[in-house]
Amino acid sequence: MAEASRPSGEQLLAKLQAGSRARLRIYIGAAPGVGKTYSMLEDAHALRREGLDVVVGFVETYGRADTDAKIGDLEVVPRRRIEYRGVVLEEMDVVAILRRRPQLCPGRGRGGPAGR
């Protein structure tokens, strides 16, 4: 049985350099309400205006009007509902997001008391 051909280190490096680099942006705040979710949604709208296909994977606004309004017309992927020990939990539906194949998917936002 023939062994599968593996790419060389040089081939892997060339492939990495040829492709675009993924970027990870982390929104850090020392307390609820400092603007993590609000900033993430503002950035999502800006990137969509630049032509990127953006969907929201998971956002928790806690009913704050400013943050709810900031979602605006962004597409929101419905949450996955699972039952665990008699309790229904909602979580980000990673499978649905992967199936949708957006260029950008902000997720797990948690709005603060001021919603900003």
N, C-alpha and C. Protein backbone atom coordinates (compact mmCIF):
# COMPACT_ATOMS: atom_id res chain seq x y z
N MET A 1 0.84 -1.17 0.00
CA MET A 1 0.00 0.00 0.00
C MET A 1 0.89 1.23 0.00
N ALA A 2 0.63 2.17 -0.90
CA ALA A 2 1.46 3.36 -1.01
C ALA A 2 1.12 4.35 0.10
N GLU A 3 2.17 4.99 0.64
CA GLU A 3 1.97 5.99 1.69
C GLU A 3 1.50 7.30 1.04
N ALA A 4 0.56 7.97 1.70
CA ALA A 4 0.04 9.23 1.17
C ALA A 4 1.16 10.26 1.11
N SER A 5 1.16 11.06 0.06
CA SER A 5 2.17 12.09 -0.12
C SER A 5 1.91 13.24 0.84
N ARG A 6 2.94 13.62 1.60
CA ARG A 6 2.82 14.74 2.53
C ARG A 6 3.57 15.93 1.98
N PRO A 7 3.02 17.13 2.16
CA PRO A 7 3.71 18.32 1.67
C PRO A 7 4.97 18.58 2.49
N SER A 8 5.96 19.15 1.82
CA SER A 8 7.20 19.50 2.52
C SER A 8 6.98 20.77 3.34
N GLY A 9 7.92 21.07 4.20
CA GLY A 9 7.86 22.30 4.99
C GLY A 9 7.81 23.53 4.11
N GLU A 10 8.59 23.50 3.03
CA GLU A 10 8.62 24.63 2.10
C GLU A 10 7.26 24.81 1.41
N GLN A 11 6.63 23.69 1.06
CA GLN A 11 5.32 23.76 0.42
C GLN A 11 4.27 24.32 1.38
N LEU A 12 4.31 23.90 2.63
CA LEU A 12 3.38 24.41 3.62
C LEU A 12 3.59 25.91 3.85
N LEU A 13 4.84 26.33 3.94
CA LEU A 13 5.15 27.74 4.14
C LEU A 13 4.66 28.57 2.95
N ALA A 14 4.88 28.08 1.75
CA ALA A 14 4.42 28.80 0.55
C ALA A 14 2.90 28.91 0.54
N LYS A 15 2.23 27.86 0.96
CA LYS A 15 0.76 27.87 1.00
C LYS A 15 0.27 28.90 2.02
N LEU A 16 0.91 28.96 3.17
CA LEU A 16 0.53 29.93 4.20
C LEU A 16 0.76 31.35 3.73
N GLN A 17 1.88 31.58 3.05
CA GLN A 17 2.20 32.93 2.59
C GLN A 17 1.31 33.36 1.44
N ALA A 18 0.84 32.41 0.64
CA ALA A 18 -0.02 32.72 -0.49
C ALA A 18 -1.43 33.10 -0.05
N GLY A 19 -1.91 32.49 1.02
CA GLY A 19 -3.26 32.75 1.49
C GLY A 19 -3.32 33.99 2.36
N SER A 20 -4.52 34.48 2.56
CA SER A 20 -4.67 35.63 3.44
C SER A 20 -4.64 35.16 4.89
N ARG A 21 -4.11 35.99 5.73
CA ARG A 21 -4.01 35.64 7.14
C ARG A 21 -5.33 35.91 7.84
N ALA A 22 -5.71 34.99 8.68
CA ALA A 22 -6.89 35.21 9.51
C ALA A 22 -6.51 36.16 10.63
N ARG A 23 -7.48 36.94 11.06
CA ARG A 23 -7.23 37.88 12.15
C ARG A 23 -8.21 37.60 13.26
N LEU A 24 -7.76 37.73 14.46
CA LEU A 24 -8.59 37.55 15.63
C LEU A 24 -8.60 38.86 16.39
N ARG A 25 -9.78 39.36 16.65
CA ARG A 25 -9.91 40.58 17.43
C ARG A 25 -10.61 40.21 18.73
N ILE A 26 -10.02 40.60 19.84
CA ILE A 26 -10.58 40.29 21.14
C ILE A 26 -11.03 41.59 21.79
N TYR A 27 -12.25 41.59 22.27
CA TYR A 27 -12.81 42.75 22.95
C TYR A 27 -12.75 42.46 24.45
N ILE A 28 -11.94 43.23 25.15
CA ILE A 28 -11.74 43.00 26.58
C ILE A 28 -12.27 44.19 27.36
N GLY A 29 -12.99 43.90 28.41
CA GLY A 29 -13.48 44.94 29.31
C GLY A 29 -13.42 44.43 30.73
N ALA A 30 -13.06 45.29 31.65
CA ALA A 30 -12.90 44.89 33.04
C ALA A 30 -14.22 44.73 33.76
N ALA A 31 -15.30 45.21 33.17
CA ALA A 31 -16.60 45.15 33.85
C ALA A 31 -17.71 45.12 32.82
N PRO A 32 -18.89 44.65 33.23
CA PRO A 32 -20.04 44.73 32.33
C PRO A 32 -20.36 46.19 32.04
N GLY A 33 -20.79 46.44 30.81
CA GLY A 33 -21.23 47.78 30.46
C GLY A 33 -20.18 48.71 29.92
N VAL A 34 -18.98 48.20 29.66
CA VAL A 34 -17.91 49.08 29.17
C VAL A 34 -17.91 49.20 27.65
N GLY A 35 -18.73 48.40 26.95
CA GLY A 35 -18.89 48.59 25.51
C GLY A 35 -18.37 47.49 24.61
N LYS A 36 -18.14 46.31 25.12
CA LYS A 36 -17.59 45.23 24.28
C LYS A 36 -18.56 44.85 23.16
N THR A 37 -19.80 44.54 23.52
CA THR A 37 -20.78 44.12 22.52
C THR A 37 -21.08 45.26 21.57
N TYR A 38 -21.25 46.44 22.11
CA TYR A 38 -21.57 47.61 21.30
C TYR A 38 -20.47 47.85 20.26
N SER A 39 -19.21 47.78 20.68
CA SER A 39 -18.08 47.98 19.76
C SER A 39 -18.02 46.88 18.72
N MET A 40 -18.27 45.64 19.13
CA MET A 40 -18.24 44.52 18.20
C MET A 40 -19.30 44.71 17.12
N LEU A 41 -20.50 45.15 17.51
CA LEU A 41 -21.55 45.36 16.54
C LEU A 41 -21.26 46.55 15.62
N GLU A 42 -20.69 47.61 16.17
CA GLU A 42 -20.28 48.74 15.33
C GLU A 42 -19.27 48.28 14.28
N ASP A 43 -18.29 47.49 14.71
CA ASP A 43 -17.28 46.98 13.77
C ASP A 43 -17.92 46.08 12.71
N ALA A 44 -18.89 45.26 13.12
CA ALA A 44 -19.57 44.37 12.17
C ALA A 44 -20.28 45.18 11.09
N HIS A 45 -20.96 46.25 11.50
CA HIS A 45 -21.64 47.10 10.51
C HIS A 45 -20.63 47.76 9.57
N ALA A 46 -19.51 48.23 10.12
CA ALA A 46 -18.48 48.87 9.28
C ALA A 46 -17.91 47.88 8.27
N LEU A 47 -17.64 46.67 8.70
CA LEU A 47 -17.10 45.66 7.79
C LEU A 47 -18.11 45.26 6.72
N ARG A 48 -19.38 45.23 7.10
CA ARG A 48 -20.41 44.91 6.11
C ARG A 48 -20.51 46.02 5.07
N ARG A 49 -20.37 47.28 5.51
CA ARG A 49 -20.38 48.40 4.55
C ARG A 49 -19.21 48.30 3.58
N GLU A 50 -18.11 47.66 4.01
CA GLU A 50 -16.96 47.46 3.14
C GLU A 50 -17.14 46.28 2.19
N GLY A 51 -18.29 45.60 2.31
CA GLY A 51 -18.60 44.53 1.38
C GLY A 51 -18.42 43.12 1.91
N LEU A 52 -18.06 42.97 3.19
CA LEU A 52 -17.90 41.63 3.75
C LEU A 52 -19.26 41.04 4.09
N ASP A 53 -19.36 39.72 3.98
CA ASP A 53 -20.56 38.99 4.36
C ASP A 53 -20.46 38.73 5.86
N VAL A 54 -21.27 39.43 6.65
CA VAL A 54 -21.19 39.38 8.11
C VAL A 54 -22.49 38.82 8.68
N VAL A 55 -22.38 37.89 9.60
CA VAL A 55 -23.53 37.43 10.37
C VAL A 55 -23.16 37.44 11.85
N VAL A 56 -24.17 37.55 12.71
CA VAL A 56 -23.95 37.52 14.15
C VAL A 56 -24.17 36.09 14.62
N GLY A 57 -23.16 35.51 15.26
CA GLY A 57 -23.24 34.14 15.72
C GLY A 57 -23.94 34.00 17.05
N PHE A 58 -23.75 34.95 17.93
CA PHE A 58 -24.38 34.91 19.25
C PHE A 58 -24.21 36.28 19.88
N VAL A 59 -25.29 36.85 20.31
CA VAL A 59 -25.21 38.13 21.00
C VAL A 59 -26.17 38.08 22.18
N GLU A 60 -25.70 38.53 23.31
CA GLU A 60 -26.53 38.60 24.51
C GLU A 60 -26.61 40.06 24.91
N THR A 61 -27.79 40.66 24.73
CA THR A 61 -27.96 42.09 25.02
C THR A 61 -28.61 42.33 26.37
N TYR A 62 -29.14 41.29 26.98
CA TYR A 62 -29.85 41.41 28.27
C TYR A 62 -30.97 42.44 28.18
N GLY A 63 -31.57 42.57 26.98
CA GLY A 63 -32.70 43.46 26.80
C GLY A 63 -32.36 44.94 26.77
N ARG A 64 -31.11 45.28 26.67
CA ARG A 64 -30.71 46.70 26.65
C ARG A 64 -31.04 47.29 25.29
N ALA A 65 -31.85 48.34 25.31
CA ALA A 65 -32.38 48.92 24.07
C ALA A 65 -31.28 49.39 23.13
N ASP A 66 -30.25 50.07 23.64
CA ASP A 66 -29.17 50.57 22.77
C ASP A 66 -28.47 49.42 22.04
N THR A 67 -28.19 48.35 22.78
CA THR A 67 -27.48 47.22 22.18
C THR A 67 -28.40 46.46 21.21
N ASP A 68 -29.68 46.27 21.60
CA ASP A 68 -30.63 45.63 20.68
C ASP A 68 -30.72 46.41 19.37
N ALA A 69 -30.79 47.75 19.49
CA ALA A 69 -30.89 48.59 18.29
C ALA A 69 -29.62 48.51 17.44
N LYS A 70 -28.47 48.34 18.09
CA LYS A 70 -27.19 48.30 17.36
C LYS A 70 -27.10 47.06 16.47
N ILE A 71 -27.83 46.00 16.78
CA ILE A 71 -27.85 44.82 15.90
C ILE A 71 -28.41 45.24 14.54
N GLY A 72 -29.43 46.08 14.58
CA GLY A 72 -29.99 46.62 13.34
C GLY A 72 -30.38 45.55 12.36
N ASP A 73 -29.89 45.66 11.13
CA ASP A 73 -30.27 44.72 10.08
C ASP A 73 -29.20 43.65 9.85
N LEU A 74 -28.30 43.47 10.82
CA LEU A 74 -27.33 42.37 10.70
C LEU A 74 -28.08 41.04 10.80
N GLU A 75 -27.66 40.09 10.00
CA GLU A 75 -28.25 38.75 10.07
C GLU A 75 -27.78 38.07 11.35
N VAL A 76 -28.71 37.50 12.11
CA VAL A 76 -28.39 36.79 13.34
C VAL A 76 -28.71 35.31 13.15
N VAL A 77 -27.72 34.45 13.33
CA VAL A 77 -27.94 33.01 13.22
C VAL A 77 -28.71 32.56 14.46
N PRO A 78 -29.83 31.87 14.28
CA PRO A 78 -30.61 31.42 15.45
C PRO A 78 -29.77 30.53 16.37
N ARG A 79 -30.03 30.67 17.65
CA ARG A 79 -29.30 29.88 18.65
C ARG A 79 -29.73 28.42 18.61
N ARG A 80 -28.83 27.57 18.99
CA ARG A 80 -29.10 26.13 19.10
C ARG A 80 -29.70 25.88 20.47
N ARG A 81 -30.81 25.19 20.50
CA ARG A 81 -31.47 24.87 21.77
C ARG A 81 -31.21 23.41 22.09
N ILE A 82 -30.70 23.17 23.29
CA ILE A 82 -30.44 21.81 23.71
C ILE A 82 -31.05 21.61 25.10
N GLU A 83 -31.51 20.39 25.32
CA GLU A 83 -32.04 20.07 26.63
C GLU A 83 -30.98 19.31 27.40
N TYR A 84 -30.76 19.71 28.62
CA TYR A 84 -29.77 19.06 29.48
C TYR A 84 -30.36 18.95 30.88
N ARG A 85 -30.56 17.73 31.31
CA ARG A 85 -31.10 17.46 32.65
C ARG A 85 -32.39 18.24 32.92
N GLY A 86 -33.26 18.25 31.92
CA GLY A 86 -34.56 18.88 32.09
C GLY A 86 -34.58 20.38 31.91
N VAL A 87 -33.45 20.97 31.56
CA VAL A 87 -33.37 22.41 31.35
C VAL A 87 -33.02 22.66 29.89
N VAL A 88 -33.71 23.61 29.26
CA VAL A 88 -33.41 23.96 27.88
C VAL A 88 -32.39 25.09 27.88
N LEU A 89 -31.26 24.85 27.24
CA LEU A 89 -30.19 25.83 27.16
C LEU A 89 -30.07 26.32 25.72
N GLU A 90 -29.62 27.56 25.56
CA GLU A 90 -29.37 28.10 24.23
C GLU A 90 -27.89 28.39 24.11
N GLU A 91 -27.33 28.03 22.96
CA GLU A 91 -25.91 28.29 22.72
C GLU A 91 -25.71 28.63 21.26
N MET A 92 -24.52 29.11 20.95
CA MET A 92 -24.19 29.44 19.57
C MET A 92 -24.25 28.18 18.72
N ASP A 93 -24.90 28.26 17.57
CA ASP A 93 -25.03 27.11 16.67
C ASP A 93 -23.87 27.12 15.67
N VAL A 94 -22.77 26.54 16.09
CA VAL A 94 -21.56 26.53 15.27
C VAL A 94 -21.79 25.83 13.94
N VAL A 95 -22.54 24.75 13.95
CA VAL A 95 -22.82 24.00 12.72
C VAL A 95 -23.57 24.88 11.73
N ALA A 96 -24.57 25.62 12.21
CA ALA A 96 -25.33 26.50 11.32
C ALA A 96 -24.45 27.62 10.76
N ILE A 97 -23.54 28.14 11.59
CA ILE A 97 -22.64 29.19 11.12
C ILE A 97 -21.71 28.64 10.04
N LEU A 98 -21.14 27.47 10.28
CA LEU A 98 -20.24 26.86 9.29
C LEU A 98 -20.99 26.56 7.99
N ARG A 99 -22.23 26.11 8.12
CA ARG A 99 -23.04 25.82 6.94
C ARG A 99 -23.33 27.11 6.16
N ARG A 100 -23.54 28.21 6.88
CA ARG A 100 -23.83 29.51 6.27
C ARG A 100 -22.60 30.10 5.57
N ARG A 101 -21.41 29.82 6.07
CA ARG A 101 -20.13 30.23 5.50
C ARG A 101 -19.98 31.75 5.32
N PRO A 102 -20.20 32.53 6.38
CA PRO A 102 -19.98 33.98 6.25
C PRO A 102 -18.48 34.28 6.22
N GLN A 103 -18.14 35.49 5.76
CA GLN A 103 -16.74 35.91 5.81
C GLN A 103 -16.36 36.32 7.22
N LEU A 104 -17.33 36.79 8.00
CA LEU A 104 -17.07 37.25 9.36
C LEU A 104 -18.26 36.91 10.23
N CYS A 105 -17.97 36.44 11.44
CA CYS A 105 -19.04 36.09 12.37
C CYS A 105 -18.65 36.47 13.79
N PRO A 106 -19.04 37.68 14.23
CA PRO A 106 -18.80 38.03 15.63
C PRO A 106 -19.73 37.20 16.50
N GLY A 107 -19.26 36.82 17.67
CA GLY A 107 -20.11 36.01 18.53
C GLY A 107 -19.74 36.12 19.99
N ARG A 108 -20.61 35.63 20.80
CA ARG A 108 -20.49 35.58 22.26
C ARG A 108 -20.40 36.97 22.88
N GLY A 109 -21.04 37.95 22.28
CA GLY A 109 -21.05 39.28 22.88
C GLY A 109 -21.94 39.32 24.10
N ARG A 110 -21.57 40.11 25.04
CA ARG A 110 -22.37 40.29 26.25
C ARG A 110 -22.44 41.77 26.55
N GLY A 111 -23.61 42.35 26.37
CA GLY A 111 -23.78 43.78 26.59
C GLY A 111 -23.76 44.11 28.06
N GLY A 112 -23.27 45.28 28.39
CA GLY A 112 -23.21 45.72 29.77
C GLY A 112 -24.46 46.48 30.17
N PRO A 113 -24.54 46.94 31.43
CA PRO A 113 -25.72 47.61 31.92
C PRO A 113 -26.13 48.81 31.09
N ALA A 114 -25.17 49.57 30.61
CA ALA A 114 -25.51 50.75 29.82
C ALA A 114 -25.77 50.37 28.36
N GLY A 115 -25.45 49.14 27.97
CA GLY A 115 -25.64 48.71 26.59
C GLY A 115 -24.63 49.29 25.65
N ARG A 116 -23.59 49.90 26.17
CA ARG A 116 -22.59 50.52 25.30
C ARG A 116 -21.22 50.06 25.69
